[in-house]
PDB file of N, CA and C in Angstrom:
ATOM      1  N   MET A   1      94.659  -7.401   4.832  1.00  0.00           N
ATOM      2  CA  MET A   1      93.917  -7.590   3.306  1.00  0.00           C
ATOM      3  C   MET A   1      93.065  -7.243   3.287  1.00  0.00           C
ATOM      4  N   SER A   2      91.989  -7.691   3.998  1.00  0.00           N
ATOM      5  CA  SER A   2      90.477  -8.371   3.764  1.00  0.00           C
ATOM      6  C   SER A   2      90.300  -7.053   4.997  1.00  0.00           C
ATOM      7  N   ASP A   3      89.052  -6.966   4.709  1.00  0.00           N
ATOM      8  CA  ASP A   3      87.573  -7.132   6.353  1.00  0.00           C
ATOM      9  C   ASP A   3      86.786  -7.832   5.799  1.00  0.00           C
ATOM     10  N   TYR A   4      86.216  -7.967   7.415  1.00  0.00           N
ATOM     11  CA  TYR A   4      85.021  -8.998   6.652  1.00  0.00           C
ATOM     12  C   TYR A   4      83.900  -7.621   6.475  1.00  0.00           C
ATOM     13  N   ARG A   5      82.819  -8.168   5.756  1.00  0.00           N
ATOM     14  CA  ARG A   5      81.370  -7.321   5.959  1.00  0.00           C
ATOM     15  C   ARG A   5      80.187  -8.431   5.943  1.00  0.00           C
ATOM     16  N   HIS A   6      80.077  -6.508   6.734  1.00  0.00           N
ATOM     17  CA  HIS A   6      79.135  -7.175   7.760  1.00  0.00           C
ATOM     18  C   HIS A   6      77.707  -6.219   7.682  1.00  0.00           C
ATOM     19  N   LYS A   7      76.672  -7.143   7.727  1.00  0.00           N
ATOM     20  CA  LYS A   7      75.866  -7.239   6.631  1.00  0.00           C
ATOM     21  C   LYS A   7      74.564  -7.289   8.196  1.00  0.00           C
ATOM     22  N   ARG A   8      73.194  -7.007   8.505  1.00  0.00           N
ATOM     23  CA  ARG A   8      72.431  -7.196   8.863  1.00  0.00           C
ATOM     24  C   ARG A   8      72.709  -8.465   8.986  1.00  0.00           C
ATOM     25  N   HIS A   9      72.392 -10.229   9.034  1.00  0.00           N
ATOM     26  CA  HIS A   9      72.342 -11.106   9.153  1.00  0.00           C
ATOM     27  C   HIS A   9      73.234 -12.027   8.653  1.00  0.00           C
ATOM     28  N   ASN A  10      74.130 -11.669   8.264  1.00  0.00           N
ATOM     29  CA  ASN A  10      75.785 -12.621   7.602  1.00  0.00           C
ATOM     30  C   ASN A  10      77.050 -11.085   8.461  1.00  0.00           C
ATOM     31  N   VAL A  11      78.089 -12.387   8.240  1.00  0.00           N
ATOM     32  CA  VAL A  11      79.450 -11.529   7.918  1.00  0.00           C
ATOM     33  C   VAL A  11      79.850 -12.696   7.699  1.00  0.00           C
ATOM     34  N   SER A  12      80.809 -12.066   6.035  1.00  0.00           N
ATOM     35  CA  SER A  12      81.903 -12.537   4.971  1.00  0.00           C
ATOM     36  C   SER A  12      83.280 -11.867   4.959  1.00  0.00           C
ATOM     37  N   ALA A  13      83.434 -12.333   4.093  1.00  0.00           N
ATOM     38  CA  ALA A  13      85.243 -12.384   3.520  1.00  0.00           C
ATOM     39  C   ALA A  13      85.277 -13.051   2.287  1.00  0.00           C
ATOM     40  N   LEU A  14      83.739 -12.425   0.665  1.00  0.00           N
ATOM     41  CA  LEU A  14      84.147 -12.943  -0.644  1.00  0.00           C
ATOM     42  C   LEU A  14      85.513 -12.412  -0.667  1.00  0.00           C
ATOM     43  N   LEU A  15      86.628 -13.001  -0.992  1.00  0.00           N
ATOM     44  CA  LEU A  15      86.977 -12.428  -2.568  1.00  0.00           C
ATOM     45  C   LEU A  15      87.845 -13.298  -3.605  1.00  0.00           C
ATOM     46  N   TYR A  16      87.710 -13.170  -5.226  1.00  0.00           N
ATOM     47  CA  TYR A  16      87.664 -12.776  -6.078  1.00  0.00           C
ATOM     48  C   TYR A  16      88.389 -12.725  -6.737  1.00  0.00           C
ATOM     49  N   HIS A  17      90.181 -13.765  -7.523  1.00  0.00           N
ATOM     50  CA  HIS A  17      90.454 -13.174  -8.080  1.00  0.00           C
ATOM     51  C   HIS A  17      90.125 -13.447  -9.546  1.00  0.00           C
ATOM     52  N   ILE A  18      90.020 -12.888 -10.574  1.00  0.00           N
ATOM     53  CA  ILE A  18      89.468 -12.564 -11.649  1.00  0.00           C
ATOM     54  C   ILE A  18      90.858 -12.059 -12.958  1.00  0.00           C
ATOM     55  N   VAL A  19      90.484 -12.655 -14.088  1.00  0.00           N
ATOM     56  CA  VAL A  19      91.071 -12.449 -14.875  1.00  0.00           C
ATOM     57  C   VAL A  19      90.905 -12.109 -16.380  1.00  0.00           C
ATOM     58  N   CYS A  20      91.700 -10.961 -16.967  1.00  0.00           N
ATOM     59  CA  CYS A  20      90.811 -10.449 -17.895  1.00  0.00           C
ATOM     60  C   CYS A  20      91.552 -10.556 -19.028  1.00  0.00           C
ATOM     61  N   PRO A  21      91.883 -11.880 -19.993  1.00  0.00           N
ATOM     62  CA  PRO A  21      92.266 -11.023 -21.105  1.00  0.00           C
ATOM     63  C   PRO A  21      92.036 -10.449 -22.171  1.00  0.00           C
ATOM     64  N   ALA A  22      92.586  -9.479 -22.591  1.00  0.00           N
ATOM     65  CA  ALA A  22      92.616  -8.413 -24.302  1.00  0.00           C
ATOM     66  C   ALA A  22      91.705  -8.996 -25.159  1.00  0.00           C
ATOM     67  N   LYS A  23      90.543  -8.832 -25.897  1.00  0.00           N
ATOM     68  CA  LYS A  23      90.005  -9.340 -26.987  1.00  0.00           C
ATOM     69  C   LYS A  23      90.879  -9.546 -28.100  1.00  0.00           C
ATOM     70  N   TYR A  24      91.534 -11.152 -28.486  1.00  0.00           N
ATOM     71  CA  TYR A  24      92.480 -11.298 -29.299  1.00  0.00           C
ATOM     72  C   TYR A  24      94.480 -10.903 -28.868  1.00  0.00           C
ATOM     73  N   ARG A  25      94.361 -11.300 -27.386  1.00  0.00           N
ATOM     74  CA  ARG A  25      95.277 -10.884 -26.875  1.00  0.00           C
ATOM     75  C   ARG A  25      96.223  -9.623 -27.514  1.00  0.00           C
ATOM     76  N   ARG A  26      95.385  -8.264 -27.619  1.00  0.00           N
ATOM     77  CA  ARG A  26      96.419  -7.660 -28.155  1.00  0.00           C
ATOM     78  C   ARG A  26      96.549  -7.204 -27.382  1.00  0.00           C
ATOM     79  N   VAL A  27      98.490  -6.458 -26.928  1.00  0.00           N
ATOM     80  CA  VAL A  27      99.486  -5.234 -26.457  1.00  0.00           C
ATOM     81  C   VAL A  27      98.834  -3.712 -26.209  1.00  0.00           C
ATOM     82  N   ILE A  28      97.391  -4.193 -25.323  1.00  0.00           N
ATOM     83  CA  ILE A  28      96.790  -2.472 -25.052  1.00  0.00           C
ATOM     84  C   ILE A  28      97.898  -2.151 -23.668  1.00  0.00           C
ATOM     85  N   PHE A  29      97.654  -2.584 -22.957  1.00  0.00           N
ATOM     86  CA  PHE A  29      97.960  -1.959 -21.409  1.00  0.00           C
ATOM     87  C   PHE A  29      99.444  -1.190 -21.900  1.00  0.00           C
ATOM     88  N   ASP A  30      98.487  -0.156 -21.541  1.00  0.00           N
ATOM     89  CA  ASP A  30      99.973   1.149 -21.504  1.00  0.00           C
ATOM     90  C   ASP A  30      99.829   1.476 -19.995  1.00  0.00           C
ATOM     91  N   PRO A  31     100.724   2.894 -19.194  1.00  0.00           N
ATOM     92  CA  PRO A  31     100.648   3.447 -17.773  1.00  0.00           C
ATOM     93  C   PRO A  31      99.267   3.798 -18.186  1.00  0.00           C
ATOM     94  N   GLU A  32      98.522   4.285 -19.311  1.00  0.00           N
ATOM     95  CA  GLU A  32      98.902   5.713 -19.101  1.00  0.00           C
ATOM     96  C   GLU A  32      96.764   4.805 -19.117  1.00  0.00           C
ATOM     97  N   VAL A  33      97.026   3.453 -20.224  1.00  0.00           N
ATOM     98  CA  VAL A  33      95.149   3.475 -19.563  1.00  0.00           C
ATOM     99  C   VAL A  33      95.244   2.092 -18.746  1.00  0.00           C
ATOM    100  N   ASP A  34      96.532   1.705 -18.115  1.00  0.00           N
ATOM    101  CA  ASP A  34      96.878   1.753 -16.214  1.00  0.00           C
ATOM    102  C   ASP A  34      96.154   2.028 -15.266  1.00  0.00           C
ATOM    103  N   ALA A  35      96.162   3.484 -15.527  1.00  0.00           N
ATOM    104  CA  ALA A  35      95.975   4.518 -14.390  1.00  0.00           C
ATOM    105  C   ALA A  35      95.161   5.002 -14.091  1.00  0.00           C
ATOM    106  N   MET A  36      94.246   4.597 -16.062  1.00  0.00           N
ATOM    107  CA  MET A  36      92.389   5.343 -15.759  1.00  0.00           C
ATOM    108  C   MET A  36      91.682   3.631 -15.398  1.00  0.00           C
ATOM    109  N   LEU A  37      92.428   2.962 -15.680  1.00  0.00           N
ATOM    110  CA  LEU A  37      91.495   0.909 -15.264  1.00  0.00           C
ATOM    111  C   LEU A  37      92.076   1.744 -14.118  1.00  0.00           C
ATOM    112  N   LYS A  38      92.770   2.065 -13.244  1.00  0.00           N
ATOM    113  CA  LYS A  38      92.699   2.009 -11.688  1.00  0.00           C
ATOM    114  C   LYS A  38      91.509   2.590 -11.724  1.00  0.00           C
ATOM    115  N   GLU A  39      91.426   4.006 -11.851  1.00  0.00           N
ATOM    116  CA  GLU A  39      90.291   4.863 -11.168  1.00  0.00           C
ATOM    117  C   GLU A  39      88.696   4.358 -11.891  1.00  0.00           C
ATOM    118  N   ILE A  40      89.031   4.446 -13.206  1.00  0.00           N
ATOM    119  CA  ILE A  40      87.833   3.587 -13.324  1.00  0.00           C
ATOM    120  C   ILE A  40      87.383   2.502 -11.997  1.00  0.00           C
ATOM    121  N   CYS A  41      88.336   1.467 -11.879  1.00  0.00           N
ATOM    122  CA  CYS A  41      87.423   0.610 -11.367  1.00  0.00           C
ATOM    123  C   CYS A  41      87.239   1.497  -9.445  1.00  0.00           C
ATOM    124  N   LEU A  42      87.671   2.311  -9.016  1.00  0.00           N
ATOM    125  CA  LEU A  42      86.831   3.367  -7.770  1.00  0.00           C
ATOM    126  C   LEU A  42      86.609   3.788  -7.265  1.00  0.00           C
ATOM    127  N   ASP A  43      86.159   4.340  -9.305  1.00  0.00           N
ATOM    128  CA  ASP A  43      84.778   4.475  -9.286  1.00  0.00           C
ATOM    129  C   ASP A  43      83.817   3.805  -8.946  1.00  0.00           C
ATOM    130  N   ILE A  44      83.631   2.518  -9.986  1.00  0.00           N
ATOM    131  CA  ILE A  44      83.323   1.417  -9.126  1.00  0.00           C
ATOM    132  C   ILE A  44      82.588   1.074  -7.855  1.00  0.00           C
ATOM    133  N   ALA A  45      83.611   0.612  -7.501  1.00  0.00           N
ATOM    134  CA  ALA A  45      83.563   0.260  -5.994  1.00  0.00           C
ATOM    135  C   ALA A  45      82.876   1.331  -5.296  1.00  0.00           C
ATOM    136  N   GLN A  46      82.815   2.592  -5.508  1.00  0.00           N
ATOM    137  CA  GLN A  46      82.180   3.844  -4.483  1.00  0.00           C
ATOM    138  C   GLN A  46      80.387   3.089  -4.894  1.00  0.00           C
ATOM    139  N   ARG A  47      80.146   2.432  -6.273  1.00  0.00           N
ATOM    140  CA  ARG A  47      78.809   2.563  -6.985  1.00  0.00           C
ATOM    141  C   ARG A  47      78.593   1.560  -6.116  1.00  0.00           C
ATOM    142  N   TYR A  48      79.063  -0.478  -6.069  1.00  0.00           N
ATOM    143  CA  TYR A  48      78.643  -0.661  -5.639  1.00  0.00           C
ATOM    144  C   TYR A  48      78.939  -0.773  -4.554  1.00  0.00           C
ATOM    145  N   GLU A  49      78.978  -2.510  -3.818  1.00  0.00           N
ATOM    146  CA  GLU A  49      79.598  -2.471  -2.444  1.00  0.00           C
ATOM    147  C   GLU A  49      80.876  -3.753  -2.619  1.00  0.00           C
ATOM    148  N   LEU A  50      81.813  -2.994  -3.843  1.00  0.00           N
ATOM    149  CA  LEU A  50      83.108  -3.515  -3.539  1.00  0.00           C
ATOM    150  C   LEU A  50      84.220  -3.186  -3.095  1.00  0.00           C
ATOM    151  N   ALA A  51      84.755  -3.832  -3.130  1.00  0.00           N
ATOM    152  CA  ALA A  51      86.046  -3.523  -3.336  1.00  0.00           C
ATOM    153  C   ALA A  51      86.661  -3.677  -3.463  1.00  0.00           C
ATOM    154  N   PHE A  52      88.061  -3.516  -4.835  1.00  0.00           N
ATOM    155  CA  PHE A  52      88.988  -4.345  -5.258  1.00  0.00           C
ATOM    156  C   PHE A  52      90.407  -3.797  -4.842  1.00  0.00           C
ATOM    157  N   LEU A  53      90.391  -4.851  -4.343  1.00  0.00           N
ATOM    158  CA  LEU A  53      91.748  -5.241  -3.458  1.00  0.00           C
ATOM    159  C   LEU A  53      92.945  -4.346  -4.179  1.00  0.00           C
ATOM    160  N   GLU A  54      93.477  -5.364  -5.326  1.00  0.00           N
ATOM    161  CA  GLU A  54      94.607  -5.510  -6.347  1.00  0.00           C
ATOM    162  C   GLU A  54      94.252  -5.751  -7.497  1.00  0.00           C
ATOM    163  N   ILE A  55      94.996  -3.898  -8.399  1.00  0.00           N
ATOM    164  CA  ILE A  55      94.767  -4.208 -10.073  1.00  0.00           C
ATOM    165  C   ILE A  55      95.700  -4.164 -10.656  1.00  0.00           C
ATOM    166  N   GLY A  56      95.972  -5.092 -10.894  1.00  0.00           N
ATOM    167  CA  GLY A  56      97.174  -5.261 -11.197  1.00  0.00           C
ATOM    168  C   GLY A  56      96.841  -5.635 -12.878  1.00  0.00           C
ATOM    169  N   THR A  57      98.673  -5.155 -14.313  1.00  0.00           N
ATOM    170  CA  THR A  57      98.558  -5.322 -15.153  1.00  0.00           C
ATOM    171  C   THR A  57      99.319  -5.597 -16.581  1.00  0.00           C
ATOM    172  N   ASP A  58      99.356  -6.467 -17.015  1.00  0.00           N
ATOM    173  CA  ASP A  58     100.456  -6.980 -17.382  1.00  0.00           C
ATOM    174  C   ASP A  58     100.136  -6.365 -19.243  1.00  0.00           C
ATOM    175  N   LYS A  59     100.848  -6.319 -20.475  1.00  0.00           N
ATOM    176  CA  LYS A  59     100.848  -5.776 -21.732  1.00  0.00           C
ATOM    177  C   LYS A  59      99.180  -6.166 -22.044  1.00  0.00           C
ATOM    178  N   ASP A  60      99.246  -7.526 -22.110  1.00  0.00           N
ATOM    179  CA  ASP A  60      97.470  -8.470 -22.552  1.00  0.00           C
ATOM    180  C   ASP A  60      96.573  -8.680 -21.922  1.00  0.00           C
ATOM    181  N   HIS A  61      97.370  -9.100 -20.385  1.00  0.00           N
ATOM    182  CA  HIS A  61      95.282  -8.908 -19.871  1.00  0.00           C
ATOM    183  C   HIS A  61      95.126  -8.204 -18.203  1.00  0.00           C
ATOM    184  N   VAL A  62      94.268  -8.629 -17.902  1.00  0.00           N
ATOM    185  CA  VAL A  62      94.610  -7.577 -16.597  1.00  0.00           C
ATOM    186  C   VAL A  62      93.512  -8.628 -14.816  1.00  0.00           C
ATOM    187  N   HIS A  63      94.373  -8.685 -13.606  1.00  0.00           N
ATOM    188  CA  HIS A  63      94.298  -8.869 -12.438  1.00  0.00           C
ATOM    189  C   HIS A  63      93.179  -7.876 -11.234  1.00  0.00           C
ATOM    190  N   PHE A  64      92.349  -8.984 -11.312  1.00  0.00           N
ATOM    191  CA  PHE A  64      91.530  -7.315 -10.142  1.00  0.00           C
ATOM    192  C   PHE A  64      91.135  -8.875  -9.696  1.00  0.00           C
ATOM    193  N   LEU A  65      91.792  -8.028  -7.958  1.00  0.00           N
ATOM    194  CA  LEU A  65      90.753  -9.132  -6.523  1.00  0.00           C
ATOM    195  C   LEU A  65      90.259  -7.843  -6.293  1.00  0.00           C
ATOM    196  N   VAL A  66      88.772  -8.622  -5.925  1.00  0.00           N
ATOM    197  CA  VAL A  66      87.878  -8.274  -6.159  1.00  0.00           C
ATOM    198  C   VAL A  66      86.976  -8.691  -4.312  1.00  0.00           C
ATOM    199  N   GLN A  67      87.567  -7.910  -3.517  1.00  0.00           N
ATOM    200  CA  GLN A  67      86.323  -8.086  -2.081  1.00  0.00           C
ATOM    201  C   GLN A  67      85.134  -7.942  -2.801  1.00  0.00           C
ATOM    202  N   SER A  68      83.822  -8.764  -2.492  1.00  0.00           N
ATOM    203  CA  SER A  68      82.400  -8.439  -2.342  1.00  0.00           C
ATOM    204  C   SER A  68      81.329  -9.335  -1.138  1.00  0.00           C
ATOM    205  N   VAL A  69      80.650  -8.487  -1.589  1.00  0.00           N
ATOM    206  CA  VAL A  69      79.684  -9.306  -0.683  1.00  0.00           C
ATOM    207  C   VAL A  69      78.363 -10.972  -1.019  1.00  0.00           C
ATOM    208  N   PRO A  70      78.300 -11.239  -0.447  1.00  0.00           N
ATOM    209  CA  PRO A  70      77.200 -12.783  -1.078  1.00  0.00           C
ATOM    210  C   PRO A  70      76.541 -12.029  -2.536  1.00  0.00           C
ATOM    211  N   SER A  71      75.740 -10.811  -2.692  1.00  0.00           N
ATOM    212  CA  SER A  71      74.461 -10.826  -2.789  1.00  0.00           C
ATOM    213  C   SER A  71      74.777 -10.425  -4.170  1.00  0.00           C
ATOM    214  N   TYR A  72      76.411 -10.414  -4.941  1.00  0.00           N
ATOM    215  CA  TYR A  72      76.832 -10.561  -5.836  1.00  0.00           C
ATOM    216  C   TYR A  72      77.600 -11.322  -6.503  1.00  0.00           C
ATOM    217  N   SER A  73      77.125 -11.526  -7.629  1.00  0.00           N
ATOM    218  CA  SER A  73      77.839 -13.338  -7.643  1.00  0.00           C
ATOM    219  C   SER A  73      78.539 -12.998  -8.973  1.00  0.00           C
ATOM    220  N   PRO A  74      79.442 -13.326  -8.988  1.00  0.00           N
ATOM    221  CA  PRO A  74      81.075 -13.790  -9.839  1.00  0.00           C
ATOM    222  C   PRO A  74      80.162 -13.340 -10.674  1.00  0.00           C
ATOM    223  N   THR A  75      79.996 -14.579 -11.414  1.00  0.00           N
ATOM    224  CA  THR A  75      79.445 -14.048 -13.227  1.00  0.00           C
ATOM    225  C   THR A  75      79.149 -11.960 -13.022  1.00  0.00           C
ATOM    226  N   LYS A  76      78.105 -11.540 -12.278  1.00  0.00           N
ATOM    227  CA  LYS A  76      78.395 -10.359 -12.053  1.00  0.00           C
ATOM    228  C   LYS A  76      78.880  -9.669 -11.129  1.00  0.00           C
ATOM    229  N   ILE A  77      79.750  -9.748 -10.608  1.00  0.00           N
ATOM    230  CA  ILE A  77      81.324  -8.820 -10.643  1.00  0.00           C
ATOM    231  C   ILE A  77      81.889  -8.718 -11.986  1.00  0.00           C
ATOM    232  N   VAL A  78      81.737  -9.626 -12.341  1.00  0.00           N
ATOM    233  CA  VAL A  78      83.126  -9.899 -13.870  1.00  0.00           C
ATOM    234  C   VAL A  78      82.055  -8.441 -15.454  1.00  0.00           C
ATOM    235  N   LYS A  79      81.051  -9.323 -15.663  1.00  0.00           N
ATOM    236  CA  LYS A  79      79.741  -8.447 -16.125  1.00  0.00           C
ATOM    237  C   LYS A  79      79.855  -6.868 -16.052  1.00  0.00           C
ATOM    238  N   MET A  80      79.617  -6.904 -14.745  1.00  0.00           N
ATOM    239  CA  MET A  80      79.629  -5.184 -14.785  1.00  0.00           C
ATOM    240  C   MET A  80      80.991  -4.682 -14.397  1.00  0.00           C
ATOM    241  N   SER A  81      81.764  -5.210 -13.854  1.00  0.00           N
ATOM    242  CA  SER A  81      83.733  -4.752 -13.730  1.00  0.00           C
ATOM    243  C   SER A  81      84.360  -4.331 -15.846  1.00  0.00           C
ATOM    244  N   LYS A  82      83.862  -5.616 -16.787  1.00  0.00           N
ATOM    245  CA  LYS A  82      83.940  -5.350 -17.563  1.00  0.00           C
ATOM    246  C   LYS A  82      83.354  -3.850 -18.311  1.00  0.00           C
ATOM    247  N   SER A  83      81.815  -3.906 -18.547  1.00  0.00           N
ATOM    248  CA  SER A  83      81.526  -3.530 -18.590  1.00  0.00           C
ATOM    249  C   SER A  83      81.439  -1.756 -18.814  1.00  0.00           C
ATOM    250  N   LEU A  84      81.343  -1.320 -17.112  1.00  0.00           N
ATOM    251  CA  LEU A  84      81.523  -0.206 -16.990  1.00  0.00           C
ATOM    252  C   LEU A  84      82.823  -0.233 -17.646  1.00  0.00           C
ATOM    253  N   THR A  85      84.210  -0.729 -16.953  1.00  0.00           N
ATOM    254  CA  THR A  85      86.205   0.512 -17.927  1.00  0.00           C
ATOM    255  C   THR A  85      85.801   0.030 -19.392  1.00  0.00           C
ATOM    256  N   ALA A  86      85.602  -1.153 -19.876  1.00  0.00           N
ATOM    257  CA  ALA A  86      85.421  -0.336 -21.137  1.00  0.00           C
ATOM    258  C   ALA A  86      84.635   0.566 -21.480  1.00  0.00           C
ATOM    259  N   ARG A  87      82.742   1.457 -21.346  1.00  0.00           N
ATOM    260  CA  ARG A  87      82.850   2.149 -21.358  1.00  0.00           C
ATOM    261  C   ARG A  87      83.290   3.343 -20.886  1.00  0.00           C
ATOM    262  N   GLU A  88      83.767   3.193 -20.297  1.00  0.00           N
ATOM    263  CA  GLU A  88      84.636   4.709 -19.892  1.00  0.00           C
ATOM    264  C   GLU A  88      85.966   4.917 -20.166  1.00  0.00           C
ATOM    265  N   ILE A  89      86.346   4.299 -21.288  1.00  0.00           N
ATOM    266  CA  ILE A  89      87.454   3.687 -20.743  1.00  0.00           C
ATOM    267  C   ILE A  89      87.449   4.170 -22.682  1.00  0.00           C
ATOM    268  N   PHE A  90      86.758   3.961 -23.217  1.00  0.00           N
ATOM    269  CA  PHE A  90      85.617   3.822 -24.714  1.00  0.00           C
ATOM    270  C   PHE A  90      85.932   5.303 -25.031  1.00  0.00           C
ATOM    271  N   ARG A  91      85.486   6.058 -23.711  1.00  0.00           N
ATOM    272  CA  ARG A  91      84.401   7.225 -23.362  1.00  0.00           C
ATOM    273  C   ARG A  91      85.895   8.215 -23.545  1.00  0.00           C
ATOM    274  N   VAL A  92      86.797   8.476 -22.542  1.00  0.00           N
ATOM    275  CA  VAL A  92      87.905   9.159 -23.112  1.00  0.00           C
ATOM    276  C   VAL A  92      88.869   8.689 -23.919  1.00  0.00           C
ATOM    277  N   CYS A  93      88.969   7.513 -23.825  1.00  0.00           N
ATOM    278  CA  CYS A  93      90.317   7.476 -24.840  1.00  0.00           C
ATOM    279  C   CYS A  93      89.880   6.610 -26.312  1.00  0.00           C
ATOM    280  N   PRO A  94      88.933   7.860 -27.061  1.00  0.00           N
ATOM    281  CA  PRO A  94      88.188   7.022 -28.578  1.00  0.00           C
ATOM    282  C   PRO A  94      89.439   6.724 -29.743  1.00  0.00           C
ATOM    283  N   THR A  95      90.340   6.706 -29.221  1.00  0.00           N
ATOM    284  CA  THR A  95      91.674   6.544 -30.240  1.00  0.00           C
ATOM    285  C   THR A  95      90.954   4.271 -30.236  1.00  0.00           C
ATOM    286  N   PHE A  96      91.266   4.042 -29.029  1.00  0.00           N
ATOM    287  CA  PHE A  96      90.709   2.809 -28.464  1.00  0.00           C
ATOM    288  C   PHE A  96      89.604   2.571 -29.023  1.00  0.00           C
ATOM    289  N   TYR A  97      88.267   3.046 -29.296  1.00  0.00           N
ATOM    290  CA  TYR A  97      87.596   2.698 -30.083  1.00  0.00           C
ATOM    291  C   TYR A  97      88.193   2.820 -31.780  1.00  0.00           C
ATOM    292  N   THR A  98      88.868   3.636 -32.281  1.00  0.00           N
ATOM    293  CA  THR A  98      88.996   2.342 -33.804  1.00  0.00           C
ATOM    294  C   THR A  98      90.440   2.583 -34.052  1.00  0.00           C
ATOM    295  N   ALA A  99      90.870   1.717 -33.217  1.00  0.00           N
ATOM    296  CA  ALA A  99      92.324   0.515 -32.758  1.00  0.00           C
ATOM    297  C   ALA A  99      91.686  -0.797 -32.692  1.00  0.00           C
ATOM    298  N   PHE A 100      89.843  -1.290 -32.165  1.00  0.00           N
ATOM    299  CA  PHE A 100      89.336  -1.842 -32.341  1.00  0.00           C
ATOM    300  C   PHE A 100      88.604  -2.026 -33.025  1.00  0.00           C
ATOM    301  N   GLY A 101      88.569  -2.035 -34.744  1.00  0.00           N
ATOM    302  CA  GLY A 101      87.543  -1.836 -35.689  1.00  0.00           C
ATOM    303  C   GLY A 101      85.473  -1.162 -34.780  1.00  0.00           C
ATOM    304  N   HIS A 102      85.403  -0.552 -34.122  1.00  0.00           N
ATOM    305  CA  HIS A 102      84.526   0.185 -34.146  1.00  0.00           C
ATOM    306  C   HIS A 102      83.714  -1.542 -32.663  1.00  0.00           C
ATOM    307  N   ASP A 103      85.151  -1.741 -32.618  1.00  0.00           N
ATOM    308  CA  ASP A 103      83.862  -3.521 -32.167  1.00  0.00           C
ATOM    309  C   ASP A 103      83.654  -2.767 -29.941  1.00  0.00           C
ATOM    310  N   CYS A 104      83.060  -2.623 -29.600  1.00  0.00           N
ATOM    311  CA  CYS A 104      82.888  -2.132 -28.341  1.00  0.00           C
ATOM    312  C   CYS A 104      83.205  -2.883 -27.525  1.00  0.00           C
ATOM    313  N   GLU A 105      84.360  -3.764 -27.382  1.00  0.00           N
ATOM    314  CA  GLU A 105      84.483  -5.124 -26.307  1.00  0.00           C
ATOM    315  C   GLU A 105      85.809  -5.174 -26.069  1.00  0.00           C
ATOM    316  N   ILE A 106      86.307  -4.627 -25.330  1.00  0.00           N
ATOM    317  CA  ILE A 106      88.026  -4.133 -25.198  1.00  0.00           C
ATOM    318  C   ILE A 106      88.674  -6.395 -24.189  1.00  0.00           C
ATOM    319  N   LEU A 107      87.482  -6.633 -23.611  1.00  0.00           N
ATOM    320  CA  LEU A 107      88.130  -7.374 -22.216  1.00  0.00           C
ATOM    321  C   LEU A 107      86.821  -8.415 -22.920  1.00  0.00           C
ATOM    322  N   PRO A 108      86.337  -9.269 -23.745  1.00  0.00           N
ATOM    323  CA  PRO A 108      85.464  -9.787 -23.614  1.00  0.00           C
ATOM    324  C   PRO A 108      84.714 -11.605 -22.414  1.00  0.00           C
ATOM    325  N   LEU A 109      83.837 -11.341 -22.483  1.00  0.00           N
ATOM    326  CA  LEU A 109      83.551 -12.374 -21.666  1.00  0.00           C
ATOM    327  C   LEU A 109      84.214 -13.471 -21.513  1.00  0.00           C
ATOM    328  N   THR A 110      85.066 -14.018 -21.310  1.00  0.00           N
ATOM    329  CA  THR A 110      86.177 -15.012 -20.748  1.00  0.00           C
ATOM    330  C   THR A 110      86.705 -14.147 -20.058  1.00  0.00           C
ATOM    331  N   TYR A 111      86.443 -15.641 -18.820  1.00  0.00           N
ATOM    332  CA  TYR A 111      87.517 -15.416 -17.301  1.00  0.00           C
ATOM    333  C   TYR A 111      87.729 -16.430 -16.461  1.00  0.00           C
TER     334      TYR A 111
END
């Protein structure tokens, strides 16, 4: 399922299961947003030392199974993934921005 991350002085296999509910548990994740979210997460994985092993969405929440290096804390991974995905979804799909009443937070910082 996952491979080991080999660095200069350590070998690690850190896996995090992160569940992020939508703000006010709104039903916002349709197949279009699901595909967009997976594409954005793959871009994030290329930029940072992360691997999104599984991404699953329900109508009102998202599950991430993330493999990381020890230099990234779980809090940093959550903040990074939530802020970058929200920013890209608002940029690509402006109807989300108006649906949330100009509140730029799809997935609030609860995890």
